Amino acid sequence: MSRQPHSWPWWPRIALVRAVHVFCKEKTMSNSDKVWPTGLTQAESEEIHRNLIQGTQIFGMIAAFAHLLAYIYSPWLK
């Protein structure tokens, strides 16, 4: 005789999933300052974003300067 993997009716399974979800959410979201899912505060995430943008701008300026130098000093483009 083959056994079904879930022999419960559908409603207890849904109730169990909801209970686990609520329990896990309460455990992980106990501090309302944190930004889900990173666990950083709003100020920390803004600081990381600001540094990321600044680093991207510096990299872009260096890349543009390198391309300009390559254009100026490339003998095959003249």
N, C-alpha and C. Protein backbone atom coordinates (compact mmCIF):
# COMPACT_ATOMS: atom_id res chain seq x y z
N MET A 1 0.84 -1.17 0.00
CA MET A 1 0.00 0.00 0.00
C MET A 1 0.89 1.25 0.00
N SER A 2 0.67 2.14 -0.94
CA SER A 2 1.50 3.35 -1.03
C SER A 2 0.98 4.43 -0.10
N ARG A 3 1.89 5.10 0.52
CA ARG A 3 1.52 6.16 1.46
C ARG A 3 1.71 7.51 0.79
N GLN A 4 0.75 8.38 0.97
CA GLN A 4 0.86 9.72 0.41
C GLN A 4 1.84 10.53 1.24
N PRO A 5 2.57 11.47 0.59
CA PRO A 5 3.54 12.24 1.37
C PRO A 5 2.89 13.14 2.42
N HIS A 6 1.71 13.68 2.13
CA HIS A 6 1.00 14.53 3.10
C HIS A 6 -0.40 13.97 3.26
N SER A 7 -0.65 13.38 4.40
CA SER A 7 -1.97 12.81 4.62
C SER A 7 -2.90 13.76 5.37
N TRP A 8 -2.39 14.92 5.79
CA TRP A 8 -3.23 15.90 6.47
C TRP A 8 -4.15 16.58 5.47
N PRO A 9 -5.27 17.06 5.95
CA PRO A 9 -6.08 17.92 5.07
C PRO A 9 -5.32 19.23 4.82
N TRP A 10 -5.75 20.01 3.86
CA TRP A 10 -5.01 21.21 3.44
C TRP A 10 -4.99 22.29 4.50
N TRP A 11 -6.05 22.47 5.30
CA TRP A 11 -6.11 23.61 6.21
C TRP A 11 -5.12 23.55 7.37
N PRO A 12 -4.80 22.38 7.97
CA PRO A 12 -3.76 22.42 9.02
C PRO A 12 -2.38 22.76 8.46
N ARG A 13 -2.12 22.33 7.22
CA ARG A 13 -0.82 22.65 6.63
C ARG A 13 -0.68 24.16 6.43
N ILE A 14 -1.74 24.81 5.96
CA ILE A 14 -1.70 26.26 5.76
C ILE A 14 -1.54 26.97 7.11
N ALA A 15 -2.24 26.51 8.12
CA ALA A 15 -2.12 27.11 9.45
C ALA A 15 -0.70 26.94 9.99
N LEU A 16 -0.10 25.79 9.74
CA LEU A 16 1.26 25.55 10.21
C LEU A 16 2.24 26.46 9.48
N VAL A 17 2.09 26.61 8.18
CA VAL A 17 2.97 27.49 7.41
C VAL A 17 2.83 28.92 7.87
N ARG A 18 1.61 29.38 8.12
CA ARG A 18 1.40 30.75 8.61
C ARG A 18 2.02 30.95 9.99
N ALA A 19 1.87 29.97 10.85
CA ALA A 19 2.44 30.08 12.20
C ALA A 19 3.97 30.16 12.14
N VAL A 20 4.58 29.35 11.31
CA VAL A 20 6.04 29.38 11.17
C VAL A 20 6.47 30.72 10.59
N HIS A 21 5.75 31.22 9.60
CA HIS A 21 6.07 32.51 8.98
C HIS A 21 5.99 33.64 10.02
N VAL A 22 4.94 33.67 10.80
CA VAL A 22 4.78 34.72 11.81
C VAL A 22 5.86 34.61 12.87
N PHE A 23 6.16 33.39 13.31
CA PHE A 23 7.19 33.20 14.33
C PHE A 23 8.54 33.66 13.80
N CYS A 24 8.91 33.27 12.59
CA CYS A 24 10.21 33.65 12.02
C CYS A 24 10.27 35.15 11.77
N LYS A 25 9.17 35.74 11.34
CA LYS A 25 9.15 37.18 11.10
C LYS A 25 9.35 37.95 12.40
N GLU A 26 8.72 37.49 13.47
CA GLU A 26 8.88 38.16 14.76
C GLU A 26 10.31 38.03 15.26
N LYS A 27 10.94 36.90 15.01
CA LYS A 27 12.31 36.70 15.48
C LYS A 27 13.29 37.56 14.68
N THR A 28 13.09 37.67 13.36
CA THR A 28 14.04 38.39 12.54
C THR A 28 13.75 39.88 12.47
N MET A 29 12.52 40.30 12.68
CA MET A 29 12.15 41.70 12.57
C MET A 29 11.86 42.32 13.92
N SER A 30 12.57 41.87 14.96
CA SER A 30 12.31 42.39 16.29
C SER A 30 12.72 43.85 16.42
N ASN A 31 13.72 44.28 15.65
CA ASN A 31 14.14 45.67 15.68
C ASN A 31 13.58 46.37 14.45
N SER A 32 12.69 47.33 14.66
CA SER A 32 12.02 47.97 13.54
C SER A 32 12.92 48.97 12.81
N ASP A 33 14.13 49.26 13.34
CA ASP A 33 15.06 50.15 12.67
C ASP A 33 15.72 49.49 11.47
N LYS A 34 15.79 48.18 11.49
CA LYS A 34 16.53 47.45 10.47
C LYS A 34 15.74 47.40 9.17
N VAL A 35 16.50 47.43 8.07
CA VAL A 35 15.92 47.32 6.74
C VAL A 35 15.97 45.86 6.34
N TRP A 36 14.81 45.28 6.06
CA TRP A 36 14.76 43.87 5.69
C TRP A 36 15.22 43.72 4.26
N PRO A 37 15.93 42.75 3.80
CA PRO A 37 16.47 41.58 4.48
C PRO A 37 17.93 41.73 4.88
N THR A 38 18.52 42.91 4.72
CA THR A 38 19.96 43.07 4.97
C THR A 38 20.30 43.13 6.44
N GLY A 39 19.41 43.62 7.26
CA GLY A 39 19.71 43.78 8.67
C GLY A 39 20.43 45.08 8.98
N LEU A 40 20.59 45.94 7.97
CA LEU A 40 21.22 47.24 8.19
C LEU A 40 20.17 48.27 8.58
N THR A 41 20.60 49.30 9.28
CA THR A 41 19.67 50.40 9.55
C THR A 41 19.58 51.26 8.30
N GLN A 42 18.63 52.18 8.30
CA GLN A 42 18.45 53.07 7.16
C GLN A 42 19.71 53.91 6.93
N ALA A 43 20.31 54.42 8.01
CA ALA A 43 21.52 55.24 7.88
C ALA A 43 22.69 54.43 7.33
N GLU A 44 22.84 53.19 7.80
CA GLU A 44 23.93 52.33 7.31
C GLU A 44 23.76 52.02 5.83
N SER A 45 22.55 51.71 5.42
CA SER A 45 22.32 51.40 4.01
C SER A 45 22.54 52.63 3.13
N GLU A 46 22.16 53.82 3.60
CA GLU A 46 22.40 55.05 2.84
C GLU A 46 23.89 55.34 2.73
N GLU A 47 24.66 55.06 3.79
CA GLU A 47 26.10 55.28 3.75
C GLU A 47 26.77 54.34 2.74
N ILE A 48 26.37 53.08 2.74
CA ILE A 48 26.92 52.13 1.78
C ILE A 48 26.57 52.56 0.35
N HIS A 49 25.33 52.98 0.15
CA HIS A 49 24.90 53.42 -1.18
C HIS A 49 25.69 54.65 -1.63
N ARG A 50 25.87 55.61 -0.74
CA ARG A 50 26.63 56.82 -1.07
C ARG A 50 28.07 56.47 -1.46
N ASN A 51 28.73 55.58 -0.71
CA ASN A 51 30.09 55.16 -1.02
C ASN A 51 30.16 54.38 -2.33
N LEU A 52 29.16 53.57 -2.60
CA LEU A 52 29.12 52.83 -3.85
C LEU A 52 29.00 53.78 -5.04
N ILE A 53 28.13 54.78 -4.94
CA ILE A 53 27.97 55.76 -6.01
C ILE A 53 29.26 56.55 -6.20
N GLN A 54 29.90 56.98 -5.12
CA GLN A 54 31.13 57.75 -5.22
C GLN A 54 32.25 56.91 -5.86
N GLY A 55 32.36 55.66 -5.48
CA GLY A 55 33.36 54.78 -6.07
C GLY A 55 33.12 54.56 -7.56
N THR A 56 31.85 54.44 -7.94
CA THR A 56 31.52 54.28 -9.36
C THR A 56 31.87 55.53 -10.14
N GLN A 57 31.65 56.70 -9.57
CA GLN A 57 31.99 57.95 -10.25
C GLN A 57 33.50 58.08 -10.43
N ILE A 58 34.26 57.75 -9.40
CA ILE A 58 35.73 57.83 -9.50
C ILE A 58 36.23 56.85 -10.55
N PHE A 59 35.70 55.63 -10.54
CA PHE A 59 36.10 54.65 -11.55
C PHE A 59 35.77 55.14 -12.95
N GLY A 60 34.60 55.75 -13.13
CA GLY A 60 34.21 56.28 -14.43
C GLY A 60 35.13 57.39 -14.91
N MET A 61 35.53 58.27 -14.00
CA MET A 61 36.45 59.35 -14.37
C MET A 61 37.82 58.80 -14.79
N ILE A 62 38.32 57.82 -14.04
CA ILE A 62 39.61 57.21 -14.39
C ILE A 62 39.50 56.51 -15.75
N ALA A 63 38.40 55.80 -15.98
CA ALA A 63 38.21 55.11 -17.26
C ALA A 63 38.11 56.09 -18.41
N ALA A 64 37.39 57.20 -18.22
CA ALA A 64 37.28 58.22 -19.28
C ALA A 64 38.64 58.83 -19.58
N PHE A 65 39.42 59.12 -18.54
CA PHE A 65 40.76 59.68 -18.72
C PHE A 65 41.66 58.69 -19.45
N ALA A 66 41.59 57.41 -19.10
CA ALA A 66 42.40 56.39 -19.76
C ALA A 66 42.00 56.27 -21.24
N HIS A 67 40.71 56.35 -21.53
CA HIS A 67 40.27 56.29 -22.92
C HIS A 67 40.74 57.53 -23.70
N LEU A 68 40.73 58.67 -23.06
CA LEU A 68 41.22 59.90 -23.71
C LEU A 68 42.71 59.77 -24.02
N LEU A 69 43.49 59.28 -23.05
CA LEU A 69 44.92 59.08 -23.30
C LEU A 69 45.16 58.06 -24.40
N ALA A 70 44.38 56.99 -24.42
CA ALA A 70 44.53 55.98 -25.47
C ALA A 70 44.19 56.58 -26.83
N TYR A 71 43.21 57.44 -26.90
CA TYR A 71 42.85 58.09 -28.17
C TYR A 71 43.95 59.05 -28.61
N ILE A 72 44.50 59.81 -27.68
CA ILE A 72 45.53 60.80 -28.03
C ILE A 72 46.83 60.12 -28.47
N TYR A 73 47.24 59.08 -27.76
CA TYR A 73 48.54 58.46 -28.00
C TYR A 73 48.50 57.21 -28.88
N SER A 74 47.36 56.91 -29.49
CA SER A 74 47.29 55.75 -30.37
C SER A 74 47.73 56.14 -31.78
N PRO A 75 48.78 55.53 -32.29
CA PRO A 75 49.28 55.93 -33.61
C PRO A 75 48.36 55.48 -34.74
N TRP A 76 47.59 54.43 -34.55
CA TRP A 76 46.76 53.93 -35.65
C TRP A 76 45.46 54.71 -35.83
N LEU A 77 45.13 55.59 -34.89
CA LEU A 77 43.92 56.41 -35.03
C LEU A 77 44.18 57.72 -35.76
N LYS A 78 45.43 58.07 -36.01
CA LYS A 78 45.75 59.34 -36.65
C LYS A 78 45.96 59.19 -38.14
